[in-house]
Amino acid sequence: MADEKKTEAFYARLKEQLALDTNWPAPYLYKFIVPASNEKIAEIEVIFDGLDAEIRTRDSAKGKYSSVSITVKMESPEAVIKKYVEVSNIEGVISL
């Protein structure tokens, strides 16, 4: 329960900051760390499917993790947060 409140507070602050700092629609850069797994990367890619997103991946030095950077034009702070929430449902993904 406490974690859920922290998450809600984080997204509320992020939404406020995005609204203040950016004129929407605008490009947004998402960054994620995932266990090195093509399946996990594919799950993230599906979430951004149809948005004309530029997706770049890079493996860590030891090959245990992959970074996924996604640049995509988003319509609003709410749309940005919606994608973060969708990706957070994938086990093992860390949002940066």
C-alpha atoms as a PDB file:
ATOM      1  CA  MET A   1       0.000   0.000   0.000  1.00  0.00           C
ATOM      2  CA  ALA A   2       2.797   2.430   0.865  1.00  0.00           C
ATOM      3  CA  ASP A   3       4.536   1.640  -2.419  1.00  0.00           C
ATOM      4  CA  GLU A   4       1.334   2.374  -4.312  1.00  0.00           C
ATOM      5  CA  LYS A   5       1.058   5.808  -2.668  1.00  0.00           C
ATOM      6  CA  LYS A   6       4.720   6.544  -3.496  1.00  0.00           C
ATOM      7  CA  THR A   7       4.091   5.557  -7.110  1.00  0.00           C
ATOM      8  CA  GLU A   8       0.983   7.749  -7.324  1.00  0.00           C
ATOM      9  CA  ALA A   9       2.899  10.682  -5.832  1.00  0.00           C
ATOM     10  CA  PHE A  10       5.784  10.139  -8.262  1.00  0.00           C
ATOM     11  CA  TYR A  11       3.459  10.162 -11.286  1.00  0.00           C
ATOM     12  CA  ALA A  12       1.634  13.248  -9.986  1.00  0.00           C
ATOM     13  CA  ARG A  13       4.948  15.140  -9.663  1.00  0.00           C
ATOM     14  CA  LEU A  14       6.072  13.924 -13.092  1.00  0.00           C
ATOM     15  CA  LYS A  15       2.797  15.026 -14.693  1.00  0.00           C
ATOM     16  CA  GLU A  16       3.104  18.476 -13.113  1.00  0.00           C
ATOM     17  CA  GLN A  17       6.728  18.854 -14.196  1.00  0.00           C
ATOM     18  CA  LEU A  18       6.008  17.739 -17.760  1.00  0.00           C
ATOM     19  CA  ALA A  19       3.093  20.166 -17.996  1.00  0.00           C
ATOM     20  CA  LEU A  20       5.283  23.058 -16.831  1.00  0.00           C
ATOM     21  CA  ASP A  21       8.405  22.298 -18.859  1.00  0.00           C
ATOM     22  CA  THR A  22       7.082  21.184 -22.234  1.00  0.00           C
ATOM     23  CA  ASN A  23       4.748  22.405 -24.961  1.00  0.00           C
ATOM     24  CA  TRP A  24       2.640  19.419 -26.032  1.00  0.00           C
ATOM     25  CA  PRO A  25       2.606  17.477 -28.302  1.00  0.00           C
ATOM     26  CA  ALA A  26       6.357  16.919 -28.066  1.00  0.00           C
ATOM     27  CA  PRO A  27       9.003  14.222 -28.476  1.00  0.00           C
ATOM     28  CA  TYR A  28       9.707  12.299 -25.263  1.00  0.00           C
ATOM     29  CA  LEU A  29      12.616   9.998 -24.436  1.00  0.00           C
ATOM     30  CA  TYR A  30      11.835   6.918 -22.369  1.00  0.00           C
ATOM     31  CA  LYS A  31      14.677   4.836 -20.905  1.00  0.00           C
ATOM     32  CA  PHE A  32      14.315   1.377 -19.450  1.00  0.00           C
ATOM     33  CA  ILE A  33      16.655  -1.313 -18.138  1.00  0.00           C
ATOM     34  CA  VAL A  34      15.543  -4.923 -18.643  1.00  0.00           C
ATOM     35  CA  PRO A  35      17.083  -8.318 -18.034  1.00  0.00           C
ATOM     36  CA  ALA A  36      18.774  -9.328 -21.295  1.00  0.00           C
ATOM     37  CA  SER A  37      15.793 -11.029 -22.897  1.00  0.00           C
ATOM     38  CA  ASN A  38      14.431 -10.567 -26.387  1.00  0.00           C
ATOM     39  CA  GLU A  39      10.995 -11.382 -24.993  1.00  0.00           C
ATOM     40  CA  LYS A  40      11.103  -8.494 -22.495  1.00  0.00           C
ATOM     41  CA  ILE A  41      12.295  -6.065 -25.163  1.00  0.00           C
ATOM     42  CA  ALA A  42       9.532  -7.274 -27.494  1.00  0.00           C
ATOM     43  CA  GLU A  43       6.929  -6.687 -24.758  1.00  0.00           C
ATOM     44  CA  ILE A  44       8.090  -3.069 -24.459  1.00  0.00           C
ATOM     45  CA  GLU A  45       8.111  -2.621 -28.233  1.00  0.00           C
ATOM     46  CA  VAL A  46       4.484  -3.794 -28.450  1.00  0.00           C
ATOM     47  CA  ILE A  47       3.432  -1.041 -26.028  1.00  0.00           C
ATOM     48  CA  PHE A  48       4.849   1.591 -28.404  1.00  0.00           C
ATOM     49  CA  ASP A  49       3.654  -0.144 -31.576  1.00  0.00           C
ATOM     50  CA  GLY A  50       1.927   2.166 -34.030  1.00  0.00           C
ATOM     51  CA  LEU A  51       3.376   5.354 -32.540  1.00  0.00           C
ATOM     52  CA  ASP A  52       6.247   5.737 -35.009  1.00  0.00           C
ATOM     53  CA  ALA A  53       8.693   5.352 -32.109  1.00  0.00           C
ATOM     54  CA  GLU A  54      12.456   5.199 -32.554  1.00  0.00           C
ATOM     55  CA  ILE A  55      13.643   2.296 -30.400  1.00  0.00           C
ATOM     56  CA  ARG A  56      17.311   1.665 -29.594  1.00  0.00           C
ATOM     57  CA  THR A  57      18.683  -1.166 -27.479  1.00  0.00           C
ATOM     58  CA  ARG A  58      22.127  -1.782 -26.061  1.00  0.00           C
ATOM     59  CA  ASP A  59      23.435  -4.701 -24.028  1.00  0.00           C
ATOM     60  CA  SER A  60      25.413  -4.199 -20.833  1.00  0.00           C
ATOM     61  CA  ALA A  61      29.111  -5.056 -20.763  1.00  0.00           C
ATOM     62  CA  LYS A  62      28.484  -8.447 -19.161  1.00  0.00           C
ATOM     63  CA  GLY A  63      25.344  -9.110 -21.208  1.00  0.00           C
ATOM     64  CA  LYS A  64      23.014  -9.520 -18.220  1.00  0.00           C
ATOM     65  CA  TYR A  65      20.919  -6.444 -18.964  1.00  0.00           C
ATOM     66  CA  SER A  66      19.779  -4.381 -21.916  1.00  0.00           C
ATOM     67  CA  SER A  67      18.957  -0.704 -22.040  1.00  0.00           C
ATOM     68  CA  VAL A  68      15.999   0.323 -24.157  1.00  0.00           C
ATOM     69  CA  SER A  69      15.712   3.961 -25.270  1.00  0.00           C
ATOM     70  CA  ILE A  70      12.523   5.031 -26.994  1.00  0.00           C
ATOM     71  CA  THR A  71      11.952   8.426 -28.574  1.00  0.00           C
ATOM     72  CA  VAL A  72       8.350   9.058 -29.531  1.00  0.00           C
ATOM     73  CA  LYS A  73       6.077  12.044 -30.060  1.00  0.00           C
ATOM     74  CA  MET A  74       3.577  12.139 -27.210  1.00  0.00           C
ATOM     75  CA  GLU A  75       0.398  14.200 -27.046  1.00  0.00           C
ATOM     76  CA  SER A  76       0.345  15.103 -23.339  1.00  0.00           C
ATOM     77  CA  PRO A  77       1.842  14.439 -19.904  1.00  0.00           C
ATOM     78  CA  GLU A  78      -1.018  11.997 -19.298  1.00  0.00           C
ATOM     79  CA  ALA A  79      -0.037  10.022 -22.409  1.00  0.00           C
ATOM     80  CA  VAL A  80       3.590   9.856 -21.196  1.00  0.00           C
ATOM     81  CA  ILE A  81       2.529   8.518 -17.810  1.00  0.00           C
ATOM     82  CA  LYS A  82       0.110   6.019 -19.366  1.00  0.00           C
ATOM     83  CA  LYS A  83       3.023   4.395 -21.229  1.00  0.00           C
ATOM     84  CA  TYR A  84       5.152   4.294 -18.071  1.00  0.00           C
ATOM     85  CA  VAL A  85       2.310   2.511 -16.260  1.00  0.00           C
ATOM     86  CA  GLU A  86       1.902   0.008 -19.110  1.00  0.00           C
ATOM     87  CA  VAL A  87       5.634  -0.792 -19.122  1.00  0.00           C
ATOM     88  CA  SER A  88       5.680  -1.082 -15.320  1.00  0.00           C
ATOM     89  CA  ASN A  89       3.461  -4.156 -15.657  1.00  0.00           C
ATOM     90  CA  ILE A  90       6.331  -6.033 -17.341  1.00  0.00           C
ATOM     91  CA  GLU A  91       8.250  -7.985 -14.722  1.00  0.00           C
ATOM     92  CA  GLY A  92      11.880  -6.969 -14.205  1.00  0.00           C
ATOM     93  CA  VAL A  93      11.748  -3.631 -16.054  1.00  0.00           C
ATOM     94  CA  ILE A  94      13.311  -0.579 -14.412  1.00  0.00           C
ATOM     95  CA  SER A  95      12.173   2.839 -15.656  1.00  0.00           C
ATOM     96  CA  LEU A  96      14.782   5.578 -15.613  1.00  0.00           C
END
